[in-house]
Amino acid sequence: MVSRGLICLVGLTTALALLLMPQTAQAGADICGHPARGRLTVQRGGQVLAAFTVAEAISIAQRQRGLMNCPVLEPGTGMLFIYADARPRVFWMKNTPLDLAIIFVAADDRITAIERGIPQNLNRISSSGPVKYVLEINYDEARSLQVGDYIHRNTPAPTIQP
């Protein structure tokens, strides 16, 4: 059983990390033509490793467009693809001039794979199993992240299109 003190400590640690990390874009700002919807942290053992302001791709059209034709992705920002269910997912980098980390995340918020998205490459980038989320960030910002880390979203659950 987890004590209340430990839960409070983890919550305070997360809040402090979010305050101390660079805030390059805030909710409501624009991320490659998509509105920023909130903050997301990546954690390991309750410690915050990274924080990102994210746009959310929840509709079919948003997921199809993704970060295509985005010339620059500001540090500390990204796009979170959110699906109604966990299934194997396939991405590619057509019309995407950015060097991206494509981070596959299971329904329990655990990172299951981190793949490199090479600019303009048409090869398929597939999850190794069912995932509910895919996070795209600048590749260099994923260097400290690893499979088994967890994401934590601070935004309300959106209505997802299948």
Protein backbone atom coordinates (compact mmCIF):
# COMPACT_ATOMS: atom_id res chain seq x y z
CA MET A 1 0.00 0.00 0.00
CA VAL A 2 1.30 3.45 -0.88
CA SER A 3 1.29 5.97 1.95
CA ARG A 4 -0.34 9.39 1.62
CA GLY A 5 3.02 11.00 2.35
CA LEU A 6 4.60 9.29 -0.66
CA ILE A 7 1.70 10.28 -2.90
CA CYS A 8 2.01 13.92 -1.74
CA LEU A 9 5.78 13.83 -2.29
CA VAL A 10 5.39 12.52 -5.85
CA GLY A 11 2.74 15.19 -6.57
CA LEU A 12 4.91 17.98 -5.18
CA THR A 13 7.94 16.71 -7.10
CA THR A 14 5.96 16.72 -10.35
CA ALA A 15 4.57 20.22 -9.71
CA LEU A 16 8.03 21.58 -8.85
CA ALA A 17 9.58 20.02 -11.96
CA LEU A 18 6.90 21.54 -14.18
CA LEU A 19 7.55 24.97 -12.68
CA LEU A 20 11.31 24.72 -13.09
CA MET A 21 11.40 23.34 -16.65
CA PRO A 22 11.58 25.76 -19.58
CA GLN A 23 8.18 26.92 -20.73
CA THR A 24 8.67 27.48 -24.46
CA ALA A 25 4.98 27.21 -25.29
CA GLN A 26 1.89 27.43 -23.13
CA ALA A 27 -1.53 25.85 -23.52
CA GLY A 28 -3.39 27.77 -26.20
CA ALA A 29 -0.21 28.62 -28.13
CA ASP A 30 0.36 27.31 -31.62
CA ILE A 31 2.41 24.16 -32.29
CA CYS A 32 2.89 23.80 -36.05
CA GLY A 33 -0.63 25.02 -36.77
CA HIS A 34 -2.25 23.05 -33.96
CA PRO A 35 -3.41 24.63 -30.69
CA ALA A 36 -1.41 23.60 -27.62
CA ARG A 37 -3.70 21.77 -25.20
CA GLY A 38 -1.60 21.30 -22.09
CA ARG A 39 1.48 19.85 -20.49
CA LEU A 40 2.77 16.30 -20.46
CA THR A 41 5.61 14.92 -18.34
CA VAL A 42 7.70 11.80 -18.79
CA GLN A 43 8.53 10.11 -15.50
CA ARG A 44 10.65 7.27 -14.21
CA GLY A 45 10.23 6.03 -10.65
CA GLY A 46 8.19 9.13 -9.77
CA GLN A 47 10.94 11.49 -11.01
CA VAL A 48 10.13 13.87 -13.85
CA LEU A 49 12.62 13.44 -16.70
CA ALA A 50 11.10 15.85 -19.24
CA ALA A 51 8.08 18.07 -19.76
CA PHE A 52 6.42 19.08 -23.01
CA THR A 53 3.65 21.42 -24.09
CA VAL A 54 1.61 19.35 -26.52
CA ALA A 55 -0.94 19.71 -29.25
CA GLU A 56 -3.37 16.80 -29.34
CA ALA A 57 -4.30 14.92 -32.50
CA ILE A 58 -7.70 13.44 -31.66
CA SER A 59 -9.63 13.57 -34.93
CA ILE A 60 -8.88 11.50 -38.00
CA ALA A 61 -7.89 14.64 -39.94
CA GLN A 62 -5.57 15.82 -37.15
CA ARG A 63 -3.91 12.41 -36.93
CA GLN A 64 -3.48 12.24 -40.72
CA ARG A 65 -1.88 15.69 -40.85
CA GLY A 66 0.22 15.37 -37.70
CA LEU A 67 3.41 17.41 -38.02
CA MET A 68 3.51 17.29 -41.83
CA ASN A 69 5.01 20.42 -43.39
CA CYS A 70 6.09 21.74 -40.00
CA PRO A 71 9.45 23.48 -40.57
CA VAL A 72 10.39 23.88 -36.88
CA LEU A 73 9.21 22.20 -33.69
CA GLU A 74 10.16 24.42 -30.76
CA PRO A 75 12.10 22.73 -27.93
CA GLY A 76 9.80 21.49 -25.18
CA THR A 77 6.85 21.00 -27.53
CA GLY A 78 5.34 18.04 -29.31
CA MET A 79 2.22 16.37 -30.59
CA LEU A 80 0.30 13.68 -28.75
CA PHE A 81 -1.77 11.37 -30.95
CA ILE A 82 -4.66 10.01 -28.89
CA TYR A 83 -6.73 7.03 -29.99
CA ALA A 84 -10.00 5.62 -28.66
CA ASP A 85 -8.48 2.17 -28.24
CA ALA A 86 -5.11 0.46 -28.02
CA ARG A 87 -4.02 -1.15 -31.31
CA PRO A 88 -0.82 -1.52 -33.30
CA ARG A 89 -0.07 1.84 -34.97
CA VAL A 90 1.94 2.74 -38.07
CA PHE A 91 3.55 6.13 -38.81
CA TRP A 92 5.68 7.55 -41.59
CA MET A 93 7.52 10.80 -42.22
CA LYS A 94 6.06 11.86 -45.59
CA ASN A 95 6.21 15.67 -45.95
CA THR A 96 7.75 15.94 -42.49
CA PRO A 97 11.07 17.84 -42.54
CA LEU A 98 11.77 17.28 -38.83
CA ASP A 99 14.04 14.73 -37.11
CA LEU A 100 11.49 13.27 -34.68
CA ALA A 101 11.30 10.76 -31.88
CA ILE A 102 8.14 8.71 -32.30
CA ILE A 103 7.26 7.43 -28.86
CA PHE A 104 4.70 4.64 -28.63
CA VAL A 105 2.72 4.54 -25.38
CA ALA A 106 0.46 1.74 -24.09
CA ALA A 107 -2.97 2.30 -22.54
CA ASP A 108 -1.35 2.20 -19.07
CA ASP A 109 0.77 5.27 -20.05
CA ARG A 110 3.99 3.21 -20.28
CA ILE A 111 6.41 3.88 -23.13
CA THR A 112 6.75 0.69 -25.17
CA ALA A 113 9.07 1.91 -27.95
CA ILE A 114 11.00 4.97 -29.07
CA GLU A 115 11.73 5.12 -32.79
CA ARG A 116 13.54 7.70 -34.89
CA GLY A 117 11.54 9.42 -37.59
CA ILE A 118 13.95 10.42 -40.34
CA PRO A 119 12.83 13.53 -42.24
CA GLN A 120 10.88 12.83 -45.45
CA ASN A 121 11.39 9.05 -45.11
CA LEU A 122 8.53 6.91 -46.44
CA ASN A 123 9.43 3.75 -44.49
CA ARG A 124 6.79 2.58 -42.06
CA ILE A 125 7.44 3.07 -38.37
CA SER A 126 5.35 0.52 -36.47
CA SER A 127 4.60 -0.03 -32.82
CA SER A 128 5.65 -3.43 -31.50
CA GLY A 129 2.20 -3.99 -30.00
CA PRO A 130 -1.03 -2.20 -29.12
CA VAL A 131 -0.69 1.46 -28.13
CA LYS A 132 -3.22 4.14 -27.24
CA TYR A 133 -0.94 7.17 -27.56
CA VAL A 134 1.93 8.25 -29.77
CA LEU A 135 4.07 11.22 -28.77
CA GLU A 136 6.16 13.03 -31.37
CA ILE A 137 8.96 15.30 -30.11
CA ASN A 138 12.32 16.53 -31.41
CA TYR A 139 14.61 13.52 -31.59
CA ASP A 140 17.34 15.12 -29.49
CA GLU A 141 14.88 15.67 -26.63
CA ALA A 142 14.24 11.92 -26.35
CA ARG A 143 17.82 10.94 -25.49
CA SER A 144 17.14 10.67 -21.74
CA LEU A 145 13.89 8.74 -22.20
CA GLN A 146 13.60 4.98 -22.36
CA VAL A 147 11.16 2.14 -22.75
CA GLY A 148 9.37 1.61 -19.43
CA ASP A 149 9.11 5.32 -18.57
CA TYR A 150 5.59 6.70 -18.09
CA ILE A 151 3.81 9.73 -19.48
CA HIS A 152 1.54 11.85 -17.32
CA ARG A 153 -0.95 14.24 -18.95
CA ASN A 154 -2.36 17.23 -17.11
CA THR A 155 -5.15 17.86 -19.60
CA PRO A 156 -8.73 16.63 -19.38
CA ALA A 157 -9.54 13.60 -21.50
CA PRO A 158 -10.75 14.80 -24.91
CA THR A 159 -13.55 13.24 -26.94
CA ILE A 160 -11.75 10.94 -29.36
CA GLN A 161 -12.83 10.06 -32.88
CA PRO A 162 -12.19 6.38 -33.73
